[in-house]
């Protein structure tokens, strides 16, 4: 396959093999050009989008969770629970730090056991045990002292 864009010519070869578990790309070039950088960036963005798919279990069903609907992700015993805008509870099969790596900038860690969606905060208040957030779905979560400064910075406070 050959593609032409202005003066830039790209030869592409696709090889299908049942031995390949995960697709990968190799680029041969004499130098790193802006066009090649754009191709690499496009591939990296596609990979990130694929990683952002979160699935959660509720009862006997598995659901694809949309990040914009997630309010809180927190550990509850040995499980990682996700609560959405309707306060539905889902169980994730990943560890909290793995989930944190997949999430966009709209999420912030507020304790060792909780991550919240900053766009879903209703309000913040000081309680007996420190600062806590109340989410738009009514759920509350305390912000541990260790994470307060990063939380405030994320909100521009």
Protein backbone atom coordinates (compact mmCIF):
# COMPACT_ATOMS: atom_id res chain seq x y z
CA UNK A 1 0.00 0.00 0.00
CA UNK A 2 1.28 3.47 -0.83
CA UNK A 3 -0.07 6.76 0.50
CA UNK A 4 0.84 10.22 -0.74
CA UNK A 5 0.32 13.50 1.10
CA UNK A 6 2.02 16.46 -0.52
CA UNK A 7 5.67 15.45 -0.88
CA UNK A 8 5.46 12.80 1.85
CA UNK A 9 5.28 9.22 0.55
CA UNK A 10 4.61 6.39 2.94
CA UNK A 11 4.82 2.73 2.08
CA UNK A 12 2.74 0.52 4.32
CA UNK A 13 2.92 -3.23 4.49
CA UNK A 14 0.52 -5.34 6.51
CA UNK A 15 1.45 -8.90 7.44
CA UNK A 16 -1.13 -11.14 9.03
CA UNK A 17 0.08 -14.00 11.19
CA UNK A 18 -1.66 -16.26 13.67
CA UNK A 19 1.58 -16.19 15.74
CA UNK A 20 1.12 -12.50 16.58
CA UNK A 21 -0.74 -12.02 19.86
CA UNK A 22 -0.88 -8.22 19.81
CA UNK A 23 -0.48 -5.97 16.75
CA UNK A 24 2.62 -3.79 16.57
CA UNK A 25 4.09 -1.27 14.16
CA UNK A 26 7.68 -0.84 12.97
CA UNK A 27 8.61 2.31 11.04
CA UNK A 28 11.73 2.33 8.87
CA UNK A 29 13.02 5.80 8.02
CA UNK A 30 16.28 7.62 7.39
CA UNK A 31 15.29 10.39 9.84
CA UNK A 32 12.47 11.36 12.16
CA UNK A 33 10.22 13.78 10.26
CA UNK A 34 7.16 15.73 11.44
CA UNK A 35 4.97 13.35 9.40
CA UNK A 36 6.42 10.30 11.13
CA UNK A 37 5.99 12.00 14.51
CA UNK A 38 2.33 12.66 13.61
CA UNK A 39 1.84 8.97 12.73
CA UNK A 40 3.41 7.86 16.02
CA UNK A 41 1.25 10.32 17.95
CA UNK A 42 -1.88 9.05 16.20
CA UNK A 43 -1.00 5.46 17.09
CA UNK A 44 -0.28 6.40 20.71
CA UNK A 45 -3.62 8.22 21.00
CA UNK A 46 -5.42 5.19 19.60
CA UNK A 47 -3.69 2.96 22.14
CA UNK A 48 -4.70 5.29 24.99
CA UNK A 49 -8.33 5.29 23.81
CA UNK A 50 -8.34 1.50 23.82
CA UNK A 51 -7.01 1.46 27.37
CA UNK A 52 -9.75 3.78 28.63
CA UNK A 53 -12.42 1.10 28.35
CA UNK A 54 -13.49 0.12 31.82
CA UNK A 55 -15.81 -2.76 32.51
CA UNK A 56 -17.58 -3.41 35.75
CA UNK A 57 -19.61 -6.29 37.09
CA UNK A 58 -23.02 -5.85 38.69
CA UNK A 59 -24.90 -8.95 39.76
CA UNK A 60 -24.38 -11.44 36.92
CA UNK A 61 -23.80 -8.88 34.14
CA UNK A 62 -20.75 -7.02 32.84
CA UNK A 63 -21.16 -3.38 31.83
CA UNK A 64 -18.94 -1.00 29.84
CA UNK A 65 -18.51 2.08 32.04
CA UNK A 66 -18.29 5.53 30.52
CA UNK A 67 -15.65 7.57 32.41
CA UNK A 68 -17.77 10.75 32.33
CA UNK A 69 -20.51 8.92 34.30
CA UNK A 70 -18.15 7.63 36.99
CA UNK A 71 -18.30 9.57 40.25
CA UNK A 72 -16.16 7.60 42.71
CA UNK A 73 -13.85 4.62 42.47
CA UNK A 74 -12.87 3.20 45.84
CA UNK A 75 -11.74 0.11 47.64
CA UNK A 76 -14.38 -1.60 49.74
CA UNK A 77 -12.86 -4.52 51.55
CA UNK A 78 -11.06 -6.58 48.91
CA UNK A 79 -13.11 -5.17 46.02
CA UNK A 80 -12.73 -2.08 43.86
CA UNK A 81 -16.16 -0.48 43.60
CA UNK A 82 -17.27 2.14 41.09
CA UNK A 83 -20.30 4.36 41.61
CA UNK A 84 -21.89 6.13 38.69
CA UNK A 85 -24.25 9.11 38.44
CA UNK A 86 -27.24 6.94 39.41
CA UNK A 87 -25.38 5.50 42.45
CA UNK A 88 -25.21 2.13 40.72
CA UNK A 89 -22.37 0.04 42.14
CA UNK A 90 -20.04 -1.95 39.88
CA UNK A 91 -17.07 -4.14 40.78
CA UNK A 92 -13.87 -3.77 38.75
CA UNK A 93 -11.32 -6.52 38.21
CA UNK A 94 -8.29 -4.21 38.33
CA UNK A 95 -6.30 -2.67 41.15
CA UNK A 96 -6.82 0.99 42.02
CA UNK A 97 -3.40 2.09 40.73
CA UNK A 98 -4.08 0.33 37.39
CA UNK A 99 -7.39 2.12 37.03
CA UNK A 100 -5.80 5.44 37.95
CA UNK A 101 -3.30 5.04 35.10
CA UNK A 102 -6.15 4.57 32.61
CA UNK A 103 -8.20 7.58 33.65
CA UNK A 104 -8.08 11.07 32.18
CA UNK A 105 -7.17 14.33 33.89
CA UNK A 106 -10.73 14.78 35.15
CA UNK A 107 -9.98 12.17 37.85
CA UNK A 108 -7.91 12.75 40.95
CA UNK A 109 -6.80 10.48 43.75
CA UNK A 110 -7.97 11.75 47.13
CA UNK A 111 -6.78 8.93 49.39
CA UNK A 112 -5.02 5.58 49.26
CA UNK A 113 -8.42 4.03 48.68
CA UNK A 114 -10.36 6.51 46.50
CA UNK A 115 -10.33 8.32 43.15
CA UNK A 116 -13.01 10.83 42.21
CA UNK A 117 -14.22 12.56 39.06
CA UNK A 118 -13.68 16.29 39.71
CA UNK A 119 -16.44 17.18 37.25
CA UNK A 120 -18.91 15.29 39.44
CA UNK A 121 -18.17 17.13 42.71
CA UNK A 122 -21.22 18.85 44.18
CA UNK A 123 -19.41 20.59 47.01
CA UNK A 124 -16.56 20.31 49.52
CA UNK A 125 -16.74 20.87 53.23
CA UNK A 126 -14.61 20.62 56.35
CA UNK A 127 -15.76 17.86 58.65
CA UNK A 128 -14.70 16.49 62.02
CA UNK A 129 -12.02 14.32 60.37
CA UNK A 130 -10.90 16.87 57.77
CA UNK A 131 -11.92 17.90 54.28
CA UNK A 132 -14.51 15.82 52.44
CA UNK A 133 -16.27 15.97 49.09
CA UNK A 134 -19.90 15.33 48.34
CA UNK A 135 -20.52 14.08 44.84
CA UNK A 136 -23.52 15.01 42.70
CA UNK A 137 -25.00 11.55 43.34
CA UNK A 138 -24.85 12.20 47.11
CA UNK A 139 -21.90 9.95 47.96
CA UNK A 140 -19.26 11.36 50.31
CA UNK A 141 -15.57 10.67 50.56
CA UNK A 142 -12.87 12.12 52.81
CA UNK A 143 -9.71 13.59 51.33
CA UNK A 144 -6.67 12.38 53.22
CA UNK A 145 -4.13 14.99 54.31
CA UNK A 146 -1.51 13.43 52.06
CA UNK A 147 -3.62 14.18 48.94
CA UNK A 148 -5.13 17.58 49.88
CA UNK A 149 -2.48 19.75 48.19
CA UNK A 150 -2.63 17.79 44.91
CA UNK A 151 -6.42 17.91 45.05
CA UNK A 152 -6.46 21.69 45.58
CA UNK A 153 -3.92 22.19 42.81
CA UNK A 154 -6.07 20.14 40.43
CA UNK A 155 -9.04 22.37 41.21
CA UNK A 156 -6.98 25.56 40.97
CA UNK A 157 -7.44 26.46 44.66
